[in-house]
Protein backbone atom coordinates (compact mmCIF):
# COMPACT_ATOMS: atom_id res chain seq x y z
CA MET A 1 -45.38 32.22 -15.62
CA GLN A 2 -43.73 33.93 -12.64
CA ILE A 3 -44.21 30.82 -10.48
CA PHE A 4 -42.73 28.69 -13.27
CA CYS A 5 -39.67 30.94 -13.50
CA ILE A 6 -39.09 30.92 -9.75
CA THR A 7 -39.48 27.13 -9.67
CA SER A 8 -36.99 26.77 -12.54
CA ILE A 9 -34.49 29.01 -10.78
CA LEU A 10 -34.80 27.07 -7.52
CA LEU A 11 -34.40 23.77 -9.40
CA PHE A 12 -31.29 25.10 -11.16
CA ILE A 13 -29.78 26.23 -7.84
CA SER A 14 -30.59 22.86 -6.29
CA LEU A 15 -29.00 20.93 -9.17
CA SER A 16 -25.93 23.17 -9.10
CA SER A 17 -25.55 22.54 -5.38
CA VAL A 18 -25.72 18.77 -5.89
CA GLN A 19 -23.13 18.95 -8.65
CA ALA A 20 -20.83 21.07 -6.48
CA LYS A 21 -20.97 18.37 -3.78
CA GLU A 22 -20.28 15.48 -6.14
CA THR A 23 -17.77 13.16 -4.51
CA ILE A 24 -14.23 13.40 -5.84
CA VAL A 25 -12.70 9.92 -6.19
CA LEU A 26 -8.93 9.75 -5.70
CA GLY A 27 -6.63 6.83 -6.41
CA SER A 28 -4.06 5.94 -3.78
CA PRO A 29 -1.01 3.69 -3.83
CA THR A 30 -1.23 0.72 -1.50
CA GLY A 31 1.06 0.64 1.52
CA HIS A 32 2.05 3.00 4.29
CA ILE A 33 3.56 5.71 2.09
CA ALA A 34 0.03 7.01 1.36
CA GLU A 35 -1.24 7.20 4.94
CA ILE A 36 0.09 10.65 5.76
CA SER A 37 -1.14 12.24 2.54
CA THR A 38 -4.52 10.52 2.90
CA GLU A 39 -5.06 12.03 6.34
CA ILE A 40 -3.96 15.46 5.15
CA LEU A 41 -6.35 15.43 2.18
CA LEU A 42 -9.30 14.11 4.20
CA TYR A 43 -8.83 17.05 6.57
CA ALA A 44 -8.26 19.63 3.81
CA TYR A 45 -11.24 18.64 1.68
CA ASP A 46 -13.48 18.55 4.75
CA GLN A 47 -12.45 22.13 5.49
CA ILE A 48 -13.63 23.29 2.04
CA GLY A 49 -16.80 21.19 2.18
CA GLN A 50 -15.91 18.90 -0.70
CA PRO A 51 -16.63 15.15 -0.23
CA ILE A 52 -13.87 12.80 -1.37
CA GLU A 53 -13.45 9.05 -1.59
CA ILE A 54 -10.03 7.44 -1.58
CA VAL A 55 -9.62 4.12 -3.40
CA PRO A 56 -6.45 2.00 -3.03
CA LEU A 57 -5.33 0.87 -6.50
CA PRO A 58 -2.23 -0.64 -8.12
CA ASP A 59 0.12 2.25 -8.91
CA GLU A 60 0.07 2.08 -12.70
CA ARG A 61 -3.67 1.46 -12.98
CA SER A 62 -4.41 4.37 -10.66
CA LEU A 63 -2.38 6.77 -12.79
CA LEU A 64 -3.96 5.55 -16.03
CA TRP A 65 -7.46 5.89 -14.62
CA SER A 66 -6.74 9.36 -13.20
CA ASN A 67 -5.23 10.56 -16.45
CA SER A 68 -8.17 9.24 -18.50
CA GLY A 69 -10.77 10.73 -16.14
CA HIS A 70 -12.11 7.34 -15.02
CA ILE A 71 -11.35 8.57 -11.50
CA ASP A 72 -10.74 12.17 -10.46
CA GLY A 73 -7.11 12.30 -9.35
CA GLU A 74 -4.24 10.99 -7.25
CA VAL A 75 -3.69 11.29 -3.51
CA LEU A 76 0.06 11.63 -3.91
CA ARG A 77 2.72 11.43 -6.61
CA ILE A 78 6.16 12.86 -7.30
CA ALA A 79 6.49 16.07 -9.29
CA ALA A 80 7.68 14.28 -12.45
CA VAL A 81 4.27 12.66 -12.98
CA THR A 82 3.04 15.75 -14.84
CA SER A 83 5.34 15.09 -17.80
CA MET A 84 4.15 11.48 -18.13
CA TYR A 85 0.41 11.99 -17.57
CA PRO A 86 -0.53 15.32 -19.19
CA ASN A 87 -4.19 15.35 -18.06
CA LEU A 88 -3.16 15.44 -14.39
CA VAL A 89 -2.75 18.86 -12.77
CA ARG A 90 -0.48 19.17 -9.74
CA VAL A 91 -1.73 21.00 -6.66
CA PRO A 92 1.36 23.12 -5.94
CA VAL A 93 1.75 22.41 -2.20
CA ALA A 94 3.90 19.47 -1.09
CA ILE A 95 1.90 17.32 1.31
CA ASP A 96 4.58 14.77 2.20
CA LYS A 97 8.18 13.80 1.55
CA PHE A 98 10.22 10.62 1.58
CA GLU A 99 13.69 9.19 1.11
CA ALA A 100 14.38 6.71 -1.69
CA MET A 101 16.52 3.93 -0.23
CA ALA A 102 18.33 0.77 -1.28
CA PHE A 103 17.89 -2.39 0.81
CA THR A 104 20.12 -5.45 0.65
CA LYS A 105 21.38 -8.64 2.31
CA ARG A 106 24.87 -8.15 0.92
CA LYS A 107 27.62 -6.74 3.13
CA ASP A 108 29.83 -5.42 0.31
CA VAL A 109 27.38 -2.90 -1.22
CA GLU A 110 28.44 0.74 -1.50
CA ILE A 111 25.80 3.10 -2.86
CA LYS A 112 25.83 6.89 -2.97
CA ASN A 113 23.23 7.73 -5.65
CA TRP A 114 21.16 6.21 -8.44
CA GLY A 115 24.20 5.74 -10.67
CA SER A 116 25.81 3.53 -8.02
CA LEU A 117 23.13 0.88 -8.64
CA HIS A 118 24.33 -0.02 -12.15
CA PRO A 119 26.45 -3.06 -11.14
CA TYR A 120 23.60 -4.70 -9.21
CA SER A 121 20.39 -6.60 -9.93
CA ILE A 122 17.47 -4.53 -8.65
CA LEU A 123 13.96 -5.15 -7.37
CA LEU A 124 11.09 -2.67 -7.21
CA ARG A 125 7.30 -2.56 -7.11
CA ILE A 126 5.43 -2.07 -10.40
CA GLY A 127 4.29 1.52 -10.87
CA THR A 128 6.68 3.07 -8.34
CA LYS A 129 7.62 6.00 -10.55
CA PHE A 130 10.59 7.35 -8.60
CA ALA A 131 12.20 3.89 -8.63
CA GLU A 132 11.39 3.27 -12.30
CA ARG A 133 12.92 6.60 -13.31
CA GLY A 134 15.98 6.20 -11.09
CA THR A 135 16.80 2.69 -12.36
CA ARG A 136 16.00 3.22 -16.05
CA GLY A 137 18.34 1.15 -18.23
CA MET A 138 19.48 -1.05 -15.34
CA ASN A 139 18.94 -4.74 -14.54
CA VAL A 140 15.50 -4.48 -12.95
CA ARG A 141 12.76 -6.94 -11.96
CA ALA A 142 9.40 -5.50 -10.85
CA PHE A 143 6.73 -7.20 -8.74
CA PRO A 144 3.11 -6.20 -8.04
CA THR A 145 3.53 -5.84 -4.25
CA ASN A 146 6.16 -4.75 -1.75
CA LYS A 147 5.86 -8.12 -0.03
CA GLU A 148 6.89 -9.91 -3.22
CA VAL A 149 9.80 -7.47 -3.69
CA PHE A 150 11.20 -8.09 -0.23
CA ASP A 151 10.52 -11.83 -0.32
CA ALA A 152 12.61 -12.04 -3.52
CA LEU A 153 15.36 -9.98 -1.88
CA HIS A 154 15.32 -12.25 1.16
CA ARG A 155 15.66 -15.35 -1.03
CA GLY A 156 18.90 -13.90 -2.37
CA ARG A 157 17.97 -13.93 -6.05
CA TYR A 158 18.62 -10.18 -6.42
CA ASP A 159 21.09 -7.74 -4.91
CA ILE A 160 19.03 -4.63 -4.15
CA ALA A 161 15.44 -3.61 -3.46
CA VAL A 162 14.48 0.03 -3.97
CA ALA A 163 11.66 1.55 -1.91
CA SER A 164 10.93 4.48 0.35
CA ARG A 165 12.58 4.25 3.76
CA LEU A 166 9.20 3.92 5.50
CA THR A 167 7.98 1.17 3.16
CA GLY A 168 11.20 -0.83 3.35
CA MET A 169 11.53 -0.66 7.13
CA TYR A 170 7.90 -1.69 7.52
CA GLU A 171 8.33 -4.74 5.24
CA ILE A 172 11.55 -5.78 7.01
CA LYS A 173 9.76 -5.65 10.36
CA ARG A 174 6.52 -7.26 9.14
CA LEU A 175 8.26 -10.16 7.36
CA GLY A 176 10.97 -10.63 10.00
CA LEU A 177 13.82 -10.13 7.53
CA THR A 178 16.67 -9.89 10.02
CA GLU A 179 19.36 -10.25 7.32
CA VAL A 180 18.05 -7.33 5.22
CA SER A 181 19.27 -3.82 6.01
CA VAL A 182 18.97 -0.32 4.62
CA VAL A 183 21.94 1.20 2.77
CA GLU A 184 22.86 4.77 3.71
CA PRO A 185 22.86 7.48 2.45
CA PRO A 186 19.49 7.91 0.65
CA LEU A 187 19.49 7.62 -3.14
CA ALA A 188 17.41 10.82 -3.30
CA ASP A 189 14.81 12.87 -1.45
CA TYR A 190 11.38 13.53 -2.97
CA TYR A 191 8.41 15.74 -2.24
CA LEU A 192 4.92 14.40 -2.88
CA TYR A 193 1.98 16.30 -4.38
CA HIS A 194 -1.76 15.85 -4.81
CA TYR A 195 -3.06 15.68 -8.40
CA LEU A 196 -6.46 16.25 -9.97
CA ASN A 197 -7.65 15.45 -13.48
CA GLU A 198 -7.88 18.62 -15.55
CA LYS A 199 -11.68 18.42 -15.57
CA HIS A 200 -11.54 19.47 -11.89
CA GLU A 201 -9.25 22.48 -12.33
CA SER A 202 -11.94 24.70 -10.77
CA ILE A 203 -11.29 23.01 -7.40
CA ILE A 204 -7.54 23.58 -7.45
CA PRO A 205 -7.52 27.21 -6.18
CA LYS A 206 -9.68 26.22 -3.17
CA ILE A 207 -7.69 23.14 -2.17
CA THR A 208 -4.41 24.96 -2.82
CA LEU A 209 -5.41 27.79 -0.48
CA GLU A 210 -6.48 25.34 2.22
CA LEU A 211 -3.24 23.35 1.98
CA GLU A 212 -1.21 26.57 2.11
CA GLN A 213 -3.03 27.52 5.30
CA MET A 214 -2.39 24.06 6.76
CA GLU A 215 1.29 24.41 5.89
CA LYS A 216 1.52 27.83 7.55
CA ASN A 217 -0.34 26.87 10.72
CA GLY A 218 1.58 23.61 11.15
CA MET A 219 -1.35 21.26 10.55
CA ILE A 220 0.40 19.31 7.78
CA GLU A 221 3.41 18.62 10.00
CA LYS A 222 1.15 17.81 12.97
CA ILE A 223 -0.71 15.15 10.95
CA ARG A 224 2.57 13.80 9.57
CA LYS A 225 4.08 13.34 13.05
CA LYS A 226 0.87 11.70 14.33
CA ILE A 227 0.89 9.09 11.56
CA LEU A 228 4.62 8.41 11.93
CA ARG A 229 4.19 7.83 15.68
CA ARG A 230 1.38 5.38 14.98
CA LEU A 231 3.36 3.51 12.33
CA SER A 232 6.40 3.24 14.61
CA ARG A 233 4.27 1.28 17.12
CA GLN A 234 3.07 -1.29 14.59
């Protein structure tokens, strides 16, 4: 009986250990905007000994799957996501930031904020929540990829494309769109956060503490600058 009890206890400990190391699967937007946050989370989760897998997915599908528990969370999203997807819990440390920008071929465009976009026809990528919220009620056409967005802008069928500064400048360079330029100032600035499905709330204190330490010791900013230097050479 004693041997049986000891064996049962050891088996329970072993199973608990396996469960604790179960890989967390995170959805990630496609494109360069996710690269900084991806590197930060790979480092942070490694520090706490938690395996993760990051899967690039279309923006809207990723959020739906994270919210339903089909996958375990999101690499990065804006703060407003919580109100739209109630099963997602925000890790309360910003891991990146970006500027929302307008891009155009027109020379007569004057834009100061989201409200300034009302007179124009607008392009954005499907599932880009900051752009969807900022242009709600306006004349908008959405495409599945950033390439399609900027191709349509280049063809002159629409006035404005909305994207992050990094995404837009990358597409302009990659596609050779010499007639497309960024409109200053930014429409808005946003901080980006990591999200987990509520079934993984037990992990949040650990990953929050690690990200806070990385913020204090400068590791988040160090990773951010490294990725930006690499992207600037592409």
